[in-house]
Amino acid sequence: MAPPVRSAPVLADPLACTHEVEPAGPVRSEWHTISEVSATTGLTAHTLRWYERIGLLDPVDRSHSGQRRYNGADLARLAFLGRLRLTGMPVADMLRYVELVREGDHTMGERHDILVAQREEVRQRIADLHATLAVLDHKIDLYSSSIPGDGATGPSAGAAPADASGRKQKSA
């Protein structure tokens, strides 16, 4: 009996922004439907169509019935675009980056500069978050020292356990 046919995985490692090139076992197709891509990326079908319409994605191949068929290059680009969005990069800057990619290798310097600038913004945001975390830690420490019971982080933390009657037990 032949092994069951399955769809190719959409992304093997989204952190690496790559797709699986040679999946194990028989593969139905190297193409992925919009619903498969939506389920895997977390982007809505509307967003995927919008990305194509504004030019973040190259025109997506269509089946004979007109359904979109995404390939490995589309998936890799979506993974990278997802990472750029996580950095807070505006869609307009993402579009500029994609346009530069389409123009060819002579734009590598400008693409590099865009990514370096975005990396600096991410580093600044991380520094801001660390500073905010320090403020929160300080406030939590202030409140913890004001709460009865060994300065723990909750009203009953650090207090002696109670017996069945609710009276506190003495510790040994």
C-alpha atoms as a PDB file:
ATOM      1  CA  MET A   1       0.000   0.000   0.000  1.00  0.00           C
ATOM      2  CA  ALA A   2       1.317   3.447  -0.905  1.00  0.00           C
ATOM      3  CA  PRO A   3       1.993   5.949   1.882  1.00  0.00           C
ATOM      4  CA  PRO A   4      -0.617   8.690   2.267  1.00  0.00           C
ATOM      5  CA  VAL A   5      -0.106  11.786   0.171  1.00  0.00           C
ATOM      6  CA  ARG A   6       0.202  14.990   2.174  1.00  0.00           C
ATOM      7  CA  SER A   7       0.635  18.675   1.505  1.00  0.00           C
ATOM      8  CA  ALA A   8       4.098  20.160   1.632  1.00  0.00           C
ATOM      9  CA  PRO A   9       4.759  21.971   4.920  1.00  0.00           C
ATOM     10  CA  VAL A  10       4.350  25.698   4.603  1.00  0.00           C
ATOM     11  CA  LEU A  11       7.346  26.734   6.712  1.00  0.00           C
ATOM     12  CA  ALA A  12       9.920  24.500   8.347  1.00  0.00           C
ATOM     13  CA  ASP A  13      11.555  27.191  10.443  1.00  0.00           C
ATOM     14  CA  PRO A  14       9.866  30.604  10.452  1.00  0.00           C
ATOM     15  CA  LEU A  15      12.682  32.021  12.595  1.00  0.00           C
ATOM     16  CA  ALA A  16      15.142  31.323   9.817  1.00  0.00           C
ATOM     17  CA  CYS A  17      12.689  32.692   7.226  1.00  0.00           C
ATOM     18  CA  THR A  18      13.161  29.598   5.094  1.00  0.00           C
ATOM     19  CA  HIS A  19      10.940  26.898   3.763  1.00  0.00           C
ATOM     20  CA  GLU A  20      11.509  23.186   3.702  1.00  0.00           C
ATOM     21  CA  VAL A  21      13.023  22.277   0.339  1.00  0.00           C
ATOM     22  CA  GLU A  22      12.848  18.495   0.488  1.00  0.00           C
ATOM     23  CA  PRO A  23      10.111  17.330   2.856  1.00  0.00           C
ATOM     24  CA  ALA A  24      10.080  13.654   3.790  1.00  0.00           C
ATOM     25  CA  GLY A  25       7.466  11.472   2.085  1.00  0.00           C
ATOM     26  CA  PRO A  26       5.323  12.049  -0.972  1.00  0.00           C
ATOM     27  CA  VAL A  27       4.129  15.594  -1.466  1.00  0.00           C
ATOM     28  CA  ARG A  28       0.863  16.516  -3.150  1.00  0.00           C
ATOM     29  CA  SER A  29       2.173  19.815  -4.439  1.00  0.00           C
ATOM     30  CA  GLU A  30       4.762  22.493  -3.864  1.00  0.00           C
ATOM     31  CA  TRP A  31       1.934  25.024  -3.989  1.00  0.00           C
ATOM     32  CA  HIS A  32      -0.007  26.270  -0.982  1.00  0.00           C
ATOM     33  CA  THR A  33      -3.500  27.692  -0.893  1.00  0.00           C
ATOM     34  CA  ILE A  34      -4.295  31.019   0.676  1.00  0.00           C
ATOM     35  CA  SER A  35      -6.010  29.231   3.577  1.00  0.00           C
ATOM     36  CA  GLU A  36      -2.905  27.103   4.251  1.00  0.00           C
ATOM     37  CA  VAL A  37      -0.660  30.162   4.169  1.00  0.00           C
ATOM     38  CA  SER A  38      -3.085  32.129   6.326  1.00  0.00           C
ATOM     39  CA  ALA A  39      -3.219  29.350   8.921  1.00  0.00           C
ATOM     40  CA  THR A  40       0.554  29.047   9.030  1.00  0.00           C
ATOM     41  CA  THR A  41       1.522  32.728   8.996  1.00  0.00           C
ATOM     42  CA  GLY A  42      -1.325  34.074  11.094  1.00  0.00           C
ATOM     43  CA  LEU A  43      -2.066  36.622   8.383  1.00  0.00           C
ATOM     44  CA  THR A  44      -5.638  36.851   7.189  1.00  0.00           C
ATOM     45  CA  ALA A  45      -6.501  36.039   3.597  1.00  0.00           C
ATOM     46  CA  HIS A  46      -7.414  39.715   3.230  1.00  0.00           C
ATOM     47  CA  THR A  47      -3.919  40.760   4.393  1.00  0.00           C
ATOM     48  CA  LEU A  48      -2.257  38.276   2.028  1.00  0.00           C
ATOM     49  CA  ARG A  49      -4.260  39.661  -0.902  1.00  0.00           C
ATOM     50  CA  TRP A  50      -3.433  43.227   0.239  1.00  0.00           C
ATOM     51  CA  TYR A  51       0.302  42.409   0.428  1.00  0.00           C
ATOM     52  CA  GLU A  52       0.079  41.217  -3.170  1.00  0.00           C
ATOM     53  CA  ARG A  53      -1.984  44.214  -4.297  1.00  0.00           C
ATOM     54  CA  ILE A  54       0.439  46.802  -2.834  1.00  0.00           C
ATOM     55  CA  GLY A  55       3.512  44.943  -4.071  1.00  0.00           C
ATOM     56  CA  LEU A  56       4.992  43.401  -0.928  1.00  0.00           C
ATOM     57  CA  LEU A  57       4.522  40.049  -2.647  1.00  0.00           C
ATOM     58  CA  ASP A  58       5.140  39.410  -6.310  1.00  0.00           C
ATOM     59  CA  PRO A  59       1.992  38.466  -8.208  1.00  0.00           C
ATOM     60  CA  VAL A  60       1.016  35.065  -6.825  1.00  0.00           C
ATOM     61  CA  ASP A  61       0.588  32.207  -9.279  1.00  0.00           C
ATOM     62  CA  ARG A  62      -2.986  31.097  -9.940  1.00  0.00           C
ATOM     63  CA  SER A  63      -4.498  27.697 -10.540  1.00  0.00           C
ATOM     64  CA  HIS A  64      -6.609  27.025 -13.630  1.00  0.00           C
ATOM     65  CA  SER A  65      -9.649  27.997 -11.518  1.00  0.00           C
ATOM     66  CA  GLY A  66      -8.080  31.294 -10.426  1.00  0.00           C
ATOM     67  CA  GLN A  67      -7.143  30.308  -6.858  1.00  0.00           C
ATOM     68  CA  ARG A  68      -3.901  31.724  -5.518  1.00  0.00           C
ATOM     69  CA  ARG A  69      -1.026  29.234  -5.260  1.00  0.00           C
ATOM     70  CA  TYR A  70       1.857  30.318  -3.048  1.00  0.00           C
ATOM     71  CA  ASN A  71       5.312  28.827  -3.592  1.00  0.00           C
ATOM     72  CA  GLY A  72       8.422  28.547  -1.443  1.00  0.00           C
ATOM     73  CA  ALA A  73       9.745  31.971  -2.450  1.00  0.00           C
ATOM     74  CA  ASP A  74       6.420  33.563  -1.454  1.00  0.00           C
ATOM     75  CA  LEU A  75       6.546  31.793   1.907  1.00  0.00           C
ATOM     76  CA  ALA A  76      10.137  32.827   2.570  1.00  0.00           C
ATOM     77  CA  ARG A  77       9.282  36.445   1.763  1.00  0.00           C
ATOM     78  CA  LEU A  78       6.219  36.322   4.036  1.00  0.00           C
ATOM     79  CA  ALA A  79       8.352  34.944   6.860  1.00  0.00           C
ATOM     80  CA  PHE A  80      10.859  37.775   6.424  1.00  0.00           C
ATOM     81  CA  LEU A  81       8.128  40.398   6.137  1.00  0.00           C
ATOM     82  CA  GLY A  82       6.618  39.006   9.335  1.00  0.00           C
ATOM     83  CA  ARG A  83       9.936  39.517  11.104  1.00  0.00           C
ATOM     84  CA  LEU A  84      10.166  43.070   9.787  1.00  0.00           C
ATOM     85  CA  ARG A  85       6.644  43.783  11.083  1.00  0.00           C
ATOM     86  CA  LEU A  86       7.656  42.425  14.496  1.00  0.00           C
ATOM     87  CA  THR A  87      10.436  45.001  14.555  1.00  0.00           C
ATOM     88  CA  GLY A  88       7.810  47.689  14.095  1.00  0.00           C
ATOM     89  CA  MET A  89       8.913  48.559  10.571  1.00  0.00           C
ATOM     90  CA  PRO A  90       6.195  50.529   8.787  1.00  0.00           C
ATOM     91  CA  VAL A  91       4.650  48.902   5.717  1.00  0.00           C
ATOM     92  CA  ALA A  92       5.931  51.782   3.567  1.00  0.00           C
ATOM     93  CA  ASP A  93       9.516  50.964   4.592  1.00  0.00           C
ATOM     94  CA  MET A  94       8.921  47.275   3.983  1.00  0.00           C
ATOM     95  CA  LEU A  95       7.640  48.142   0.518  1.00  0.00           C
ATOM     96  CA  ARG A  96      10.718  50.271  -0.187  1.00  0.00           C
ATOM     97  CA  TYR A  97      12.930  47.367   0.870  1.00  0.00           C
ATOM     98  CA  VAL A  98      11.050  44.932  -1.416  1.00  0.00           C
ATOM     99  CA  GLU A  99      11.300  47.396  -4.321  1.00  0.00           C
ATOM    100  CA  LEU A 100      15.061  47.573  -3.796  1.00  0.00           C
ATOM    101  CA  VAL A 101      15.291  43.773  -3.812  1.00  0.00           C
ATOM    102  CA  ARG A 102      13.482  43.737  -7.152  1.00  0.00           C
ATOM    103  CA  GLU A 103      15.917  46.301  -8.567  1.00  0.00           C
ATOM    104  CA  GLY A 104      18.812  43.920  -8.063  1.00  0.00           C
ATOM    105  CA  ASP A 105      22.139  43.485  -6.356  1.00  0.00           C
ATOM    106  CA  HIS A 106      23.279  47.050  -6.974  1.00  0.00           C
ATOM    107  CA  THR A 107      20.835  48.113  -4.214  1.00  0.00           C
ATOM    108  CA  MET A 108      22.429  45.960  -1.506  1.00  0.00           C
ATOM    109  CA  GLY A 109      24.014  48.995   0.153  1.00  0.00           C
ATOM    110  CA  GLU A 110      20.704  50.788   0.513  1.00  0.00           C
ATOM    111  CA  ARG A 111      18.978  47.607   1.740  1.00  0.00           C
ATOM    112  CA  HIS A 112      21.769  47.181   4.265  1.00  0.00           C
ATOM    113  CA  ASP A 113      21.258  50.745   5.480  1.00  0.00           C
ATOM    114  CA  ILE A 114      17.506  50.196   5.892  1.00  0.00           C
ATOM    115  CA  LEU A 115      18.092  47.089   7.999  1.00  0.00           C
ATOM    116  CA  VAL A 116      20.836  48.728  10.070  1.00  0.00           C
ATOM    117  CA  ALA A 117      18.540  51.674  10.837  1.00  0.00           C
ATOM    118  CA  GLN A 118      15.714  49.304  11.788  1.00  0.00           C
ATOM    119  CA  ARG A 119      18.058  47.295  13.995  1.00  0.00           C
ATOM    120  CA  GLU A 120      18.988  50.511  15.835  1.00  0.00           C
ATOM    121  CA  GLU A 121      15.296  51.272  16.394  1.00  0.00           C
ATOM    122  CA  VAL A 122      14.798  47.761  17.782  1.00  0.00           C
ATOM    123  CA  ARG A 123      17.786  48.141  20.088  1.00  0.00           C
ATOM    124  CA  GLN A 124      16.431  51.469  21.334  1.00  0.00           C
ATOM    125  CA  ARG A 125      13.012  49.931  21.946  1.00  0.00           C
ATOM    126  CA  ILE A 126      14.663  47.072  23.876  1.00  0.00           C
ATOM    127  CA  ALA A 127      16.594  49.603  25.977  1.00  0.00           C
ATOM    128  CA  ASP A 128      13.348  51.482  26.659  1.00  0.00           C
ATOM    129  CA  LEU A 129      11.663  48.229  27.690  1.00  0.00           C
ATOM    130  CA  HIS A 130      14.564  47.389  30.015  1.00  0.00           C
ATOM    131  CA  ALA A 131      14.230  50.825  31.632  1.00  0.00           C
ATOM    132  CA  THR A 132      10.485  50.311  31.980  1.00  0.00           C
ATOM    133  CA  LEU A 133      11.086  46.891  33.518  1.00  0.00           C
ATOM    134  CA  ALA A 134      13.467  48.458  36.045  1.00  0.00           C
ATOM    135  CA  VAL A 135      10.747  50.940  37.063  1.00  0.00           C
ATOM    136  CA  LEU A 136       8.249  48.121  37.477  1.00  0.00           C
ATOM    137  CA  ASP A 137      10.744  46.067  39.507  1.00  0.00           C
ATOM    138  CA  HIS A 138      11.383  49.084  41.748  1.00  0.00           C
ATOM    139  CA  LYS A 139       7.662  49.654  42.357  1.00  0.00           C
ATOM    140  CA  ILE A 140       7.094  45.958  43.033  1.00  0.00           C
ATOM    141  CA  ASP A 141       9.953  45.999  45.554  1.00  0.00           C
ATOM    142  CA  LEU A 142       8.432  49.061  47.276  1.00  0.00           C
ATOM    143  CA  TYR A 143       5.039  47.392  47.536  1.00  0.00           C
ATOM    144  CA  SER A 144       6.569  44.086  48.610  1.00  0.00           C
ATOM    145  CA  SER A 145       8.360  45.759  51.520  1.00  0.00           C
ATOM    146  CA  SER A 146       5.070  47.358  52.622  1.00  0.00           C
ATOM    147  CA  ILE A 147       3.059  44.135  52.579  1.00  0.00           C
ATOM    148  CA  PRO A 148       2.985  42.321  55.921  1.00  0.00           C
ATOM    149  CA  GLY A 149       4.617  38.908  55.950  1.00  0.00           C
ATOM    150  CA  ASP A 150       8.350  38.978  55.200  1.00  0.00           C
ATOM    151  CA  GLY A 151       8.081  41.482  52.353  1.00  0.00           C
ATOM    152  CA  ALA A 152       6.892  38.827  49.900  1.00  0.00           C
ATOM    153  CA  THR A 153       5.000  39.694  46.738  1.00  0.00           C
ATOM    154  CA  GLY A 154       1.550  38.730  47.994  1.00  0.00           C
ATOM    155  CA  PRO A 155      -0.498  39.211  51.167  1.00  0.00           C
ATOM    156  CA  SER A 156      -0.180  35.559  52.165  1.00  0.00           C
ATOM    157  CA  ALA A 157       3.254  34.832  50.707  1.00  0.00           C
ATOM    158  CA  GLY A 158       5.800  34.071  53.374  1.00  0.00           C
ATOM    159  CA  ALA A 159       3.179  33.804  56.113  1.00  0.00           C
ATOM    160  CA  ALA A 160       3.010  30.713  58.279  1.00  0.00           C
ATOM    161  CA  PRO A 161       0.556  28.106  56.978  1.00  0.00           C
ATOM    162  CA  ALA A 162      -2.843  27.909  58.654  1.00  0.00           C
ATOM    163  CA  ASP A 163      -4.326  24.769  60.196  1.00  0.00           C
ATOM    164  CA  ALA A 164      -7.867  23.537  59.480  1.00  0.00           C
ATOM    165  CA  SER A 165      -9.356  26.100  61.889  1.00  0.00           C
ATOM    166  CA  GLY A 166      -7.622  28.951  60.094  1.00  0.00           C
ATOM    167  CA  ARG A 167      -5.146  29.616  62.922  1.00  0.00           C
ATOM    168  CA  LYS A 168      -1.533  30.123  61.893  1.00  0.00           C
ATOM    169  CA  GLN A 169       0.764  27.262  62.751  1.00  0.00           C
ATOM    170  CA  LYS A 170       4.076  27.912  64.392  1.00  0.00           C
ATOM    171  CA  SER A 171       7.049  26.963  62.319  1.00  0.00           C
ATOM    172  CA  ALA A 172       9.726  24.728  63.787  1.00  0.00           C
END
